[in-house]
Amino acid sequence: AATHKLQSAARKLSTKRKRGAPKLAGKISGHLEELGFKRAHFEAALEPLDKPGKTGNEHIEFMFSPNPGEPAKPLRMIASSGEMSRIMLAIKSTLANEDSVPLLVFDEIDANVGGEIAQAVGVKMASLGVDHQVIAITHLPQVASLANCHYSVSKEFSSDGRTRSRLSRIENDERISEIARMLGGDTTSARKHAENLLAIAA
């Protein structure tokens, strides 16, 4: 009787997954396109198990092909760190309304990206911030400038030989100076660029 109940529940779950997997993949693909993967392929593959396991009748494998014409392969095996970061952001953006987690922490999710893609990553995180609290650790001025508030993390070497980290809230003119520093130096041109970036985000 227990086996019958298990098989019945697993079949119902499989039916829902077969309907939901293409929808999920399609929405994630839309976010990936906005994040610079213009012609990438993403799918949620349902791989049947020999017998029902803790995940039901199948194992779910995210498949990814960053380049057209190349076969999709398991995401965990082929994605670079920069690709993985953007894909994770796309998945989180897709599931934002379904996710009950109020706080999202992105630790250098913009690693190995720059320029236009960095701006797209920042915009995507800012949109997530509408419904979630988002904390982003970043070295990119395009991303940092889109935040509502800023903190600077620095290291200090004390007289007792210990290294300590300091977290400081920065506001007003300090924000401009810090964004300018991230752009390469607190020069007149860098400050002007920083002001423009912050104005876009306002």
N, C-alpha and C. Protein backbone atom coordinates (compact mmCIF):
# COMPACT_ATOMS: atom_id res chain seq x y z
N ALA A 1 0.83 -1.20 0.00
CA ALA A 1 0.00 0.00 0.00
C ALA A 1 0.86 1.26 0.00
N ALA A 2 1.94 1.20 0.78
CA ALA A 2 2.85 2.35 0.84
C ALA A 2 3.53 2.58 -0.50
N THR A 3 3.92 1.49 -1.16
CA THR A 3 4.55 1.59 -2.48
C THR A 3 3.58 2.19 -3.50
N HIS A 4 2.34 1.78 -3.43
CA HIS A 4 1.33 2.31 -4.35
C HIS A 4 1.15 3.82 -4.15
N LYS A 5 1.09 4.26 -2.89
CA LYS A 5 0.96 5.69 -2.60
C LYS A 5 2.17 6.47 -3.10
N LEU A 6 3.36 5.88 -2.92
CA LEU A 6 4.59 6.52 -3.37
C LEU A 6 4.59 6.69 -4.89
N GLN A 7 4.23 5.62 -5.59
CA GLN A 7 4.23 5.66 -7.06
C GLN A 7 3.19 6.65 -7.59
N SER A 8 2.05 6.70 -6.94
CA SER A 8 0.99 7.63 -7.35
C SER A 8 1.45 9.08 -7.16
N ALA A 9 2.05 9.38 -6.02
CA ALA A 9 2.54 10.73 -5.75
C ALA A 9 3.65 11.11 -6.72
N ALA A 10 4.53 10.16 -7.01
CA ALA A 10 5.65 10.42 -7.92
C ALA A 10 5.15 10.71 -9.33
N ARG A 11 4.11 9.97 -9.78
CA ARG A 11 3.56 10.21 -11.11
C ARG A 11 2.93 11.60 -11.21
N LYS A 12 2.21 12.00 -10.18
CA LYS A 12 1.61 13.34 -10.17
C LYS A 12 2.69 14.42 -10.23
N LEU A 13 3.76 14.21 -9.47
CA LEU A 13 4.87 15.17 -9.48
C LEU A 13 5.52 15.22 -10.86
N SER A 14 5.68 14.06 -11.49
CA SER A 14 6.28 14.01 -12.83
C SER A 14 5.43 14.78 -13.83
N THR A 15 4.11 14.64 -13.75
CA THR A 15 3.21 15.34 -14.66
C THR A 15 3.37 16.85 -14.51
N LYS A 16 3.43 17.32 -13.27
CA LYS A 16 3.61 18.75 -13.03
C LYS A 16 4.98 19.23 -13.52
N ARG A 17 5.99 18.41 -13.33
CA ARG A 17 7.33 18.79 -13.78
C ARG A 17 7.40 18.89 -15.30
N LYS A 18 6.75 17.97 -16.00
CA LYS A 18 6.78 17.99 -17.46
C LYS A 18 6.11 19.24 -18.00
N ARG A 19 5.10 19.74 -17.30
CA ARG A 19 4.45 21.00 -17.71
C ARG A 19 5.30 22.20 -17.31
N GLY A 20 5.90 22.12 -16.13
CA GLY A 20 6.60 23.28 -15.58
C GLY A 20 8.02 23.50 -16.09
N ALA A 21 8.72 22.41 -16.43
CA ALA A 21 10.13 22.54 -16.82
C ALA A 21 10.34 23.45 -18.03
N PRO A 22 9.55 23.29 -19.12
CA PRO A 22 9.75 24.20 -20.27
C PRO A 22 9.44 25.66 -19.93
N LYS A 23 8.43 25.88 -19.08
CA LYS A 23 8.09 27.26 -18.69
C LYS A 23 9.22 27.88 -17.89
N LEU A 24 9.76 27.10 -16.94
CA LEU A 24 10.87 27.59 -16.13
C LEU A 24 12.07 27.92 -17.00
N ALA A 25 12.42 27.00 -17.90
CA ALA A 25 13.57 27.20 -18.79
C ALA A 25 13.37 28.42 -19.68
N GLY A 26 12.14 28.62 -20.17
CA GLY A 26 11.86 29.76 -21.03
C GLY A 26 12.04 31.08 -20.30
N LYS A 27 11.57 31.15 -19.05
CA LYS A 27 11.71 32.39 -18.28
C LYS A 27 13.17 32.67 -17.93
N ILE A 28 13.89 31.62 -17.56
CA ILE A 28 15.32 31.78 -17.26
C ILE A 28 16.06 32.23 -18.50
N SER A 29 15.71 31.68 -19.66
CA SER A 29 16.36 32.07 -20.92
C SER A 29 16.13 33.55 -21.22
N GLY A 30 14.93 34.04 -20.91
CA GLY A 30 14.64 35.46 -21.11
C GLY A 30 15.55 36.35 -20.28
N HIS A 31 15.76 35.98 -19.02
CA HIS A 31 16.66 36.75 -18.15
C HIS A 31 18.12 36.62 -18.63
N LEU A 32 18.48 35.43 -19.09
CA LEU A 32 19.85 35.24 -19.59
C LEU A 32 20.13 36.12 -20.79
N GLU A 33 19.12 36.29 -21.65
CA GLU A 33 19.31 37.16 -22.82
C GLU A 33 19.58 38.60 -22.38
N GLU A 34 18.88 39.05 -21.34
CA GLU A 34 19.11 40.40 -20.82
C GLU A 34 20.48 40.54 -20.18
N LEU A 35 21.06 39.40 -19.76
CA LEU A 35 22.36 39.41 -19.10
C LEU A 35 23.50 39.11 -20.06
N GLY A 36 23.22 39.18 -21.35
CA GLY A 36 24.29 39.07 -22.34
C GLY A 36 24.39 37.75 -23.07
N PHE A 37 23.58 36.75 -22.69
CA PHE A 37 23.58 35.47 -23.40
C PHE A 37 22.53 35.54 -24.51
N LYS A 38 22.88 36.17 -25.59
CA LYS A 38 21.90 36.46 -26.64
C LYS A 38 21.38 35.21 -27.33
N ARG A 39 22.23 34.21 -27.52
CA ARG A 39 21.81 33.02 -28.27
C ARG A 39 22.12 31.74 -27.51
N ALA A 40 22.15 31.82 -26.20
CA ALA A 40 22.43 30.64 -25.38
C ALA A 40 21.18 29.77 -25.29
N HIS A 41 21.40 28.52 -24.94
CA HIS A 41 20.29 27.57 -24.77
C HIS A 41 20.31 27.05 -23.34
N PHE A 42 19.15 27.08 -22.69
CA PHE A 42 19.03 26.59 -21.31
C PHE A 42 17.81 25.69 -21.23
N GLU A 43 17.95 24.59 -20.55
CA GLU A 43 16.80 23.71 -20.37
C GLU A 43 16.88 23.00 -19.02
N ALA A 44 15.71 22.63 -18.51
CA ALA A 44 15.64 21.82 -17.29
C ALA A 44 15.27 20.41 -17.71
N ALA A 45 16.26 19.53 -17.76
CA ALA A 45 16.05 18.17 -18.26
C ALA A 45 15.60 17.26 -17.13
N LEU A 46 14.60 16.42 -17.42
CA LEU A 46 14.09 15.45 -16.46
C LEU A 46 14.68 14.08 -16.81
N GLU A 47 15.55 13.59 -15.97
CA GLU A 47 16.22 12.32 -16.23
C GLU A 47 15.60 11.22 -15.38
N PRO A 48 14.93 10.24 -16.00
CA PRO A 48 14.22 9.19 -15.24
C PRO A 48 15.16 8.38 -14.35
N LEU A 49 14.66 8.03 -13.18
CA LEU A 49 15.37 7.15 -12.26
C LEU A 49 14.84 5.72 -12.40
N ASP A 50 15.63 4.74 -12.03
CA ASP A 50 15.20 3.35 -12.11
C ASP A 50 14.01 3.08 -11.18
N LYS A 51 14.01 3.75 -10.05
CA LYS A 51 12.90 3.63 -9.11
C LYS A 51 12.75 4.97 -8.39
N PRO A 52 11.57 5.25 -7.85
CA PRO A 52 11.38 6.55 -7.18
C PRO A 52 12.40 6.78 -6.08
N GLY A 53 12.95 7.99 -6.07
CA GLY A 53 13.91 8.38 -5.03
C GLY A 53 13.37 9.57 -4.26
N LYS A 54 14.24 10.23 -3.54
CA LYS A 54 13.79 11.35 -2.71
C LYS A 54 13.34 12.54 -3.54
N THR A 55 13.71 12.55 -4.84
CA THR A 55 13.27 13.65 -5.72
C THR A 55 12.11 13.21 -6.63
N GLY A 56 11.58 12.01 -6.41
CA GLY A 56 10.49 11.55 -7.26
C GLY A 56 10.98 10.53 -8.28
N ASN A 57 10.32 10.52 -9.45
CA ASN A 57 10.65 9.56 -10.50
C ASN A 57 11.82 9.99 -11.38
N GLU A 58 12.32 11.21 -11.16
CA GLU A 58 13.37 11.71 -12.03
C GLU A 58 14.33 12.63 -11.27
N HIS A 59 15.48 12.78 -11.86
CA HIS A 59 16.48 13.73 -11.39
C HIS A 59 16.46 14.92 -12.35
N ILE A 60 16.51 16.14 -11.80
CA ILE A 60 16.46 17.34 -12.65
C ILE A 60 17.89 17.83 -12.88
N GLU A 61 18.24 18.00 -14.13
CA GLU A 61 19.58 18.48 -14.50
C GLU A 61 19.43 19.74 -15.33
N PHE A 62 20.04 20.84 -14.89
CA PHE A 62 20.05 22.06 -15.70
C PHE A 62 21.09 21.89 -16.81
N MET A 63 20.66 22.06 -18.04
CA MET A 63 21.52 21.91 -19.21
C MET A 63 21.74 23.29 -19.83
N PHE A 64 22.95 23.50 -20.35
CA PHE A 64 23.30 24.84 -20.83
C PHE A 64 24.25 24.76 -22.01
N SER A 65 24.00 25.61 -22.99
CA SER A 65 24.92 25.78 -24.11
C SER A 65 25.07 27.29 -24.35
N PRO A 66 26.23 27.86 -24.05
CA PRO A 66 26.41 29.31 -24.22
C PRO A 66 26.51 29.75 -25.67
N ASN A 67 26.83 28.80 -26.58
CA ASN A 67 27.04 29.15 -27.98
C ASN A 67 26.11 28.35 -28.89
N PRO A 68 25.51 29.03 -29.88
CA PRO A 68 24.63 28.33 -30.81
C PRO A 68 25.37 27.26 -31.60
N GLY A 69 24.69 26.16 -31.85
CA GLY A 69 25.30 25.07 -32.60
C GLY A 69 26.00 24.05 -31.73
N GLU A 70 26.23 24.38 -30.44
CA GLU A 70 26.88 23.46 -29.52
C GLU A 70 25.82 22.73 -28.71
N PRO A 71 25.98 21.43 -28.48
CA PRO A 71 24.98 20.69 -27.68
C PRO A 71 24.96 21.17 -26.24
N ALA A 72 23.77 21.16 -25.65
CA ALA A 72 23.63 21.54 -24.25
C ALA A 72 24.26 20.46 -23.37
N LYS A 73 25.00 20.89 -22.36
CA LYS A 73 25.65 19.97 -21.43
C LYS A 73 25.30 20.38 -20.00
N PRO A 74 25.51 19.49 -19.02
CA PRO A 74 25.18 19.84 -17.64
C PRO A 74 25.85 21.15 -17.21
N LEU A 75 25.05 22.05 -16.69
CA LEU A 75 25.53 23.36 -16.27
C LEU A 75 26.69 23.24 -15.30
N ARG A 76 26.60 22.32 -14.36
CA ARG A 76 27.62 22.16 -13.32
C ARG A 76 28.98 21.76 -13.89
N MET A 77 28.98 21.26 -15.13
CA MET A 77 30.23 20.78 -15.71
C MET A 77 30.90 21.76 -16.68
N ILE A 78 30.12 22.64 -17.30
CA ILE A 78 30.70 23.44 -18.38
C ILE A 78 30.72 24.94 -18.14
N ALA A 79 29.91 25.45 -17.21
CA ALA A 79 29.83 26.91 -17.04
C ALA A 79 31.07 27.46 -16.35
N SER A 80 31.58 28.57 -16.88
CA SER A 80 32.69 29.27 -16.23
C SER A 80 32.15 30.02 -15.02
N SER A 81 33.06 30.57 -14.20
CA SER A 81 32.61 31.28 -13.00
C SER A 81 31.75 32.48 -13.35
N GLY A 82 32.15 33.22 -14.39
CA GLY A 82 31.35 34.37 -14.80
C GLY A 82 29.99 33.97 -15.34
N GLU A 83 29.95 32.88 -16.12
CA GLU A 83 28.67 32.38 -16.64
C GLU A 83 27.79 31.88 -15.50
N MET A 84 28.37 31.14 -14.58
CA MET A 84 27.61 30.59 -13.46
C MET A 84 26.97 31.71 -12.63
N SER A 85 27.70 32.79 -12.43
CA SER A 85 27.18 33.91 -11.66
C SER A 85 25.95 34.50 -12.32
N ARG A 86 26.03 34.73 -13.63
CA ARG A 86 24.89 35.32 -14.33
C ARG A 86 23.72 34.36 -14.42
N ILE A 87 24.00 33.07 -14.59
CA ILE A 87 22.92 32.09 -14.64
C ILE A 87 22.21 32.03 -13.29
N MET A 88 22.98 32.06 -12.20
CA MET A 88 22.37 32.06 -10.87
C MET A 88 21.49 33.29 -10.68
N LEU A 89 21.94 34.43 -11.17
CA LEU A 89 21.15 35.65 -11.08
C LEU A 89 19.87 35.52 -11.89
N ALA A 90 19.96 34.90 -13.07
CA ALA A 90 18.78 34.69 -13.90
C ALA A 90 17.79 33.76 -13.21
N ILE A 91 18.29 32.71 -12.57
CA ILE A 91 17.41 31.77 -11.85
C ILE A 91 16.74 32.47 -10.68
N LYS A 92 17.51 33.24 -9.91
CA LYS A 92 16.94 33.96 -8.77
C LYS A 92 15.91 34.98 -9.23
N SER A 93 16.17 35.63 -10.36
CA SER A 93 15.22 36.61 -10.89
C SER A 93 13.93 35.93 -11.31
N THR A 94 14.04 34.75 -11.91
CA THR A 94 12.87 33.99 -12.34
C THR A 94 12.02 33.56 -11.16
N LEU A 95 12.67 33.14 -10.08
CA LEU A 95 11.96 32.59 -8.93
C LEU A 95 11.68 33.62 -7.84
N ALA A 96 11.94 34.89 -8.13
CA ALA A 96 11.82 35.93 -7.10
C ALA A 96 10.44 35.96 -6.45
N ASN A 97 9.40 35.84 -7.27
CA ASN A 97 8.04 35.92 -6.74
C ASN A 97 7.61 34.64 -6.04
N GLU A 98 8.32 33.53 -6.29
CA GLU A 98 7.99 32.26 -5.66
C GLU A 98 8.84 32.01 -4.42
N ASP A 99 9.91 32.76 -4.30
CA ASP A 99 10.90 32.53 -3.26
C ASP A 99 10.52 33.29 -1.99
N SER A 100 10.39 32.58 -0.89
CA SER A 100 10.01 33.22 0.37
C SER A 100 11.23 33.76 1.13
N VAL A 101 12.43 33.57 0.58
CA VAL A 101 13.64 34.06 1.25
C VAL A 101 13.70 35.59 1.12
N PRO A 102 13.70 36.31 2.23
CA PRO A 102 13.64 37.78 2.15
C PRO A 102 14.98 38.45 1.83
N LEU A 103 16.08 37.73 2.06
CA LEU A 103 17.41 38.32 1.91
C LEU A 103 18.23 37.52 0.91
N LEU A 104 18.81 38.22 -0.07
CA LEU A 104 19.70 37.58 -1.06
C LEU A 104 21.07 38.23 -0.95
N VAL A 105 22.10 37.41 -0.86
CA VAL A 105 23.48 37.90 -0.77
C VAL A 105 24.23 37.42 -2.00
N PHE A 106 24.76 38.36 -2.79
CA PHE A 106 25.54 38.03 -3.98
C PHE A 106 26.98 38.45 -3.72
N ASP A 107 27.84 37.45 -3.56
CA ASP A 107 29.25 37.72 -3.29
C ASP A 107 30.02 37.68 -4.62
N GLU A 108 30.30 38.87 -5.18
CA GLU A 108 31.03 39.01 -6.44
C GLU A 108 30.39 38.18 -7.55
N ILE A 109 29.05 38.26 -7.64
CA ILE A 109 28.34 37.55 -8.70
C ILE A 109 28.67 38.13 -10.07
N ASP A 110 29.26 39.33 -10.07
CA ASP A 110 29.64 39.98 -11.32
C ASP A 110 31.10 39.71 -11.69
N ALA A 111 31.69 38.68 -11.08
CA ALA A 111 33.09 38.35 -11.39
C ALA A 111 33.23 37.98 -12.86
N ASN A 112 34.32 38.45 -13.46
CA ASN A 112 34.66 38.13 -14.85
C ASN A 112 33.69 38.71 -15.87
N VAL A 113 32.97 39.76 -15.50
CA VAL A 113 32.15 40.48 -16.46
C VAL A 113 32.52 41.96 -16.38
N GLY A 114 32.16 42.70 -17.39
CA GLY A 114 32.47 44.12 -17.38
C GLY A 114 31.63 44.87 -18.39
N GLY A 115 31.79 46.18 -18.42
CA GLY A 115 31.14 47.01 -19.41
C GLY A 115 29.63 46.90 -19.41
N GLU A 116 29.08 46.66 -20.58
CA GLU A 116 27.63 46.61 -20.77
C GLU A 116 26.99 45.48 -19.96
N ILE A 117 27.68 44.34 -19.87
CA ILE A 117 27.15 43.21 -19.11
C ILE A 117 27.10 43.54 -17.62
N ALA A 118 28.12 44.23 -17.13
CA ALA A 118 28.14 44.64 -15.73
C ALA A 118 26.93 45.52 -15.42
N GLN A 119 26.61 46.43 -16.33
CA GLN A 119 25.45 47.29 -16.15
C GLN A 119 24.17 46.45 -16.10
N ALA A 120 24.07 45.46 -16.97
CA ALA A 120 22.88 44.60 -17.00
C ALA A 120 22.75 43.80 -15.71
N VAL A 121 23.87 43.31 -15.18
CA VAL A 121 23.86 42.59 -13.92
C VAL A 121 23.38 43.49 -12.80
N GLY A 122 23.88 44.73 -12.77
CA GLY A 122 23.47 45.67 -11.74
C GLY A 122 21.99 45.99 -11.81
N VAL A 123 21.48 46.19 -13.01
CA VAL A 123 20.05 46.48 -13.19
C VAL A 123 19.20 45.31 -12.72
N LYS A 124 19.64 44.10 -13.04
CA LYS A 124 18.90 42.90 -12.64
C LYS A 124 18.86 42.78 -11.12
N MET A 125 19.98 43.03 -10.46
CA MET A 125 20.00 42.97 -8.99
C MET A 125 19.14 44.07 -8.38
N ALA A 126 19.15 45.24 -9.00
CA ALA A 126 18.33 46.33 -8.50
C ALA A 126 16.85 45.99 -8.60
N SER A 127 16.45 45.31 -9.68
CA SER A 127 15.05 44.92 -9.83
C SER A 127 14.67 43.86 -8.79
N LEU A 128 15.61 42.97 -8.47
CA LEU A 128 15.37 41.99 -7.40
C LEU A 128 15.18 42.69 -6.06
N GLY A 129 15.84 43.84 -5.89
CA GLY A 129 15.77 44.58 -4.64
C GLY A 129 14.42 45.21 -4.37
N VAL A 130 13.53 45.20 -5.36
CA VAL A 130 12.18 45.73 -5.15
C VAL A 130 11.41 44.86 -4.16
N ASP A 131 11.58 43.54 -4.26
CA ASP A 131 10.83 42.60 -3.42
C ASP A 131 11.68 41.86 -2.40
N HIS A 132 13.00 42.00 -2.49
CA HIS A 132 13.90 41.34 -1.56
C HIS A 132 14.93 42.35 -1.07
N GLN A 133 15.52 42.05 0.09
CA GLN A 133 16.70 42.81 0.48
C GLN A 133 17.89 42.15 -0.20
N VAL A 134 18.65 42.93 -0.96
CA VAL A 134 19.79 42.40 -1.71
C VAL A 134 21.07 43.03 -1.19
N ILE A 135 22.00 42.19 -0.79
CA ILE A 135 23.33 42.65 -0.40
C ILE A 135 24.31 42.14 -1.45
N ALA A 136 25.03 43.05 -2.07
CA ALA A 136 25.96 42.68 -3.14
C ALA A 136 27.37 43.14 -2.79
N ILE A 137 28.30 42.22 -2.87
CA ILE A 137 29.71 42.53 -2.69
C ILE A 137 30.30 42.63 -4.09
N THR A 138 30.79 43.80 -4.44
CA THR A 138 31.22 44.02 -5.82
C THR A 138 32.44 44.92 -5.90
N HIS A 139 33.18 44.78 -6.98
CA HIS A 139 34.30 45.67 -7.30
C HIS A 139 33.99 46.50 -8.54
N LEU A 140 32.78 46.37 -9.07
CA LEU A 140 32.43 47.07 -10.30
C LEU A 140 31.61 48.34 -10.02
N PRO A 141 32.07 49.48 -10.49
CA PRO A 141 31.34 50.73 -10.25
C PRO A 141 29.96 50.73 -10.89
N GLN A 142 29.80 50.06 -12.04
CA GLN A 142 28.48 50.03 -12.70
C GLN A 142 27.45 49.34 -11.81
N VAL A 143 27.88 48.33 -11.07
CA VAL A 143 26.98 47.60 -10.17
C VAL A 143 26.78 48.39 -8.88
N ALA A 144 27.86 48.85 -8.29
CA ALA A 144 27.78 49.57 -7.02
C ALA A 144 26.92 50.83 -7.11
N SER A 145 27.00 51.52 -8.23
CA SER A 145 26.27 52.78 -8.37
C SER A 145 24.75 52.60 -8.35
N LEU A 146 24.27 51.39 -8.59
CA LEU A 146 22.83 51.14 -8.64
C LEU A 146 22.23 50.80 -7.28
N ALA A 147 23.06 50.75 -6.24
CA ALA A 147 22.57 50.40 -4.91
C ALA A 147 21.89 51.57 -4.24
N ASN A 148 20.99 51.26 -3.31
CA ASN A 148 20.31 52.30 -2.54
C ASN A 148 21.19 52.86 -1.43
N CYS A 149 22.04 52.01 -0.87
CA CYS A 149 22.98 52.49 0.15
C CYS A 149 24.30 51.73 -0.01
N HIS A 150 25.36 52.33 0.48
CA HIS A 150 26.70 51.80 0.24
C HIS A 150 27.48 51.65 1.55
N TYR A 151 28.26 50.58 1.58
CA TYR A 151 29.20 50.36 2.68
C TYR A 151 30.56 50.04 2.06
N SER A 152 31.58 50.53 2.70
CA SER A 152 32.95 50.26 2.26
C SER A 152 33.59 49.29 3.24
N VAL A 153 34.26 48.27 2.70
CA VAL A 153 34.97 47.30 3.54
C VAL A 153 36.46 47.52 3.37
N SER A 154 37.16 47.70 4.49
CA SER A 154 38.60 47.93 4.43
C SER A 154 39.30 47.09 5.49
N LYS A 155 40.60 46.88 5.29
CA LYS A 155 41.41 46.13 6.25
C LYS A 155 42.33 47.08 6.99
N GLU A 156 42.49 46.82 8.27
CA GLU A 156 43.38 47.64 9.08
C GLU A 156 44.36 46.74 9.82
N PHE A 157 45.61 47.17 9.90
CA PHE A 157 46.63 46.42 10.61
C PHE A 157 46.88 47.14 11.94
N SER A 158 46.58 46.48 13.04
CA SER A 158 46.69 47.11 14.36
C SER A 158 48.07 46.90 14.97
N SER A 159 48.31 47.59 16.06
CA SER A 159 49.62 47.55 16.70
C SER A 159 49.92 46.19 17.32
N ASP A 160 48.89 45.38 17.57
CA ASP A 160 49.12 44.07 18.17
C ASP A 160 49.38 43.00 17.11
N GLY A 161 49.55 43.43 15.85
CA GLY A 161 49.88 42.50 14.79
C GLY A 161 48.69 41.80 14.17
N ARG A 162 47.49 42.18 14.58
CA ARG A 162 46.28 41.55 14.04
C ARG A 162 45.75 42.35 12.85
N THR A 163 45.06 41.67 11.96
CA THR A 163 44.39 42.32 10.85
C THR A 163 42.90 42.34 11.13
N ARG A 164 42.29 43.51 11.01
CA ARG A 164 40.86 43.64 11.28
C ARG A 164 40.16 44.25 10.06
N SER A 165 38.94 43.83 9.85
CA SER A 165 38.12 44.38 8.77
C SER A 165 37.19 45.43 9.34
N ARG A 166 37.02 46.51 8.59
CA ARG A 166 36.14 47.59 9.02
C ARG A 166 35.05 47.79 7.97
N LEU A 167 33.82 47.87 8.44
CA LEU A 167 32.66 48.13 7.58
C LEU A 167 32.14 49.53 7.89
N SER A 168 32.15 50.40 6.87
CA SER A 168 31.76 51.79 7.10
C SER A 168 30.66 52.20 6.13
N ARG A 169 29.62 52.84 6.65
CA ARG A 169 28.56 53.38 5.80
C ARG A 169 29.09 54.65 5.13
N ILE A 170 28.91 54.75 3.82
CA ILE A 170 29.34 55.95 3.12
C ILE A 170 28.14 56.62 2.46
N GLU A 171 28.11 57.94 2.54
CA GLU A 171 26.97 58.69 2.03
C GLU A 171 27.44 59.96 1.33
N ASN A 172 26.50 60.56 0.58
CA ASN A 172 26.72 61.85 -0.05
C ASN A 172 28.01 61.88 -0.88
N ASP A 173 28.90 62.83 -0.58
CA ASP A 173 30.11 63.01 -1.39
C ASP A 173 31.04 61.81 -1.30
N GLU A 174 30.97 61.09 -0.16
CA GLU A 174 31.82 59.90 -0.01
C GLU A 174 31.45 58.84 -1.05
N ARG A 175 30.18 58.77 -1.41
CA ARG A 175 29.75 57.80 -2.43
C ARG A 175 30.43 58.12 -3.77
N ILE A 176 30.46 59.39 -4.11
CA ILE A 176 31.10 59.80 -5.36
C ILE A 176 32.58 59.45 -5.34
N SER A 177 33.23 59.73 -4.21
CA SER A 177 34.67 59.44 -4.09
C SER A 177 34.95 57.95 -4.21
N GLU A 178 34.10 57.13 -3.61
CA GLU A 178 34.32 55.68 -3.64
C GLU A 178 34.07 55.11 -5.03
N ILE A 179 33.02 55.56 -5.70
CA ILE A 179 32.76 55.10 -7.07
C ILE A 179 33.89 55.56 -7.99
N ALA A 180 34.36 56.78 -7.78
CA ALA A 180 35.48 57.29 -8.58
C ALA A 180 36.73 56.45 -8.36
N ARG A 181 36.97 56.06 -7.11
CA ARG A 181 38.13 55.22 -6.79
C ARG A 181 38.01 53.87 -7.53
N MET A 182 36.81 53.33 -7.57
CA MET A 182 36.58 52.05 -8.26
C MET A 182 36.79 52.21 -9.77
N LEU A 183 36.57 53.40 -10.27
CA LEU A 183 36.77 53.67 -11.70
C LEU A 183 38.25 53.86 -12.05
N GLY A 184 39.10 53.93 -11.03
CA GLY A 184 40.52 54.04 -11.32
C GLY A 184 41.25 55.13 -10.58
N GLY A 185 40.55 55.98 -9.87
CA GLY A 185 41.21 57.04 -9.12
C GLY A 185 40.30 58.22 -8.91
N ASP A 186 40.48 58.90 -7.78
CA ASP A 186 39.61 60.03 -7.43
C ASP A 186 40.06 61.29 -8.17
N THR A 187 39.96 61.25 -9.49
CA THR A 187 40.33 62.38 -10.33
C THR A 187 39.06 63.13 -10.75
N THR A 188 39.27 64.28 -11.38
CA THR A 188 38.13 65.09 -11.81
C THR A 188 37.25 64.33 -12.81
N SER A 189 37.87 63.68 -13.77
CA SER A 189 37.10 62.95 -14.78
C SER A 189 36.39 61.73 -14.18
N ALA A 190 37.09 61.04 -13.25
CA ALA A 190 36.47 59.88 -12.60
C ALA A 190 35.30 60.30 -11.73
N ARG A 191 35.43 61.42 -11.05
CA ARG A 191 34.33 61.91 -10.21
C ARG A 191 33.12 62.29 -11.07
N LYS A 192 33.40 62.88 -12.22
CA LYS A 192 32.30 63.25 -13.12
C LYS A 192 31.57 62.00 -13.60
N HIS A 193 32.35 60.98 -13.95
CA HIS A 193 31.76 59.72 -14.39
C HIS A 193 30.97 59.08 -13.25
N ALA A 194 31.50 59.12 -12.03
CA ALA A 194 30.82 58.58 -10.86
C ALA A 194 29.49 59.30 -10.62
N GLU A 195 29.52 60.61 -10.75
CA GLU A 195 28.29 61.40 -10.58
C GLU A 195 27.24 61.00 -11.62
N ASN A 196 27.69 60.75 -12.85
CA ASN A 196 26.76 60.34 -13.91
C ASN A 196 26.16 58.97 -13.61
N LEU A 197 26.99 58.04 -13.13
CA LEU A 197 26.50 56.71 -12.79
C LEU A 197 25.48 56.77 -11.67
N LEU A 198 25.76 57.54 -10.64
CA LEU A 198 24.84 57.66 -9.52
C LEU A 198 23.55 58.38 -9.92
N ALA A 199 23.66 59.31 -10.86
CA ALA A 199 22.47 60.03 -11.33
C ALA A 199 21.54 59.09 -12.10
N ILE A 200 22.13 58.18 -12.87
CA ILE A 200 21.34 57.21 -13.62
C ILE A 200 20.55 56.31 -12.66
N ALA A 201 21.19 55.95 -11.55
CA ALA A 201 20.58 55.04 -10.59
C ALA A 201 19.51 55.72 -9.73
N ALA A 202 19.59 57.03 -9.61
CA ALA A 202 18.67 57.76 -8.72
C ALA A 202 17.22 57.69 -9.22
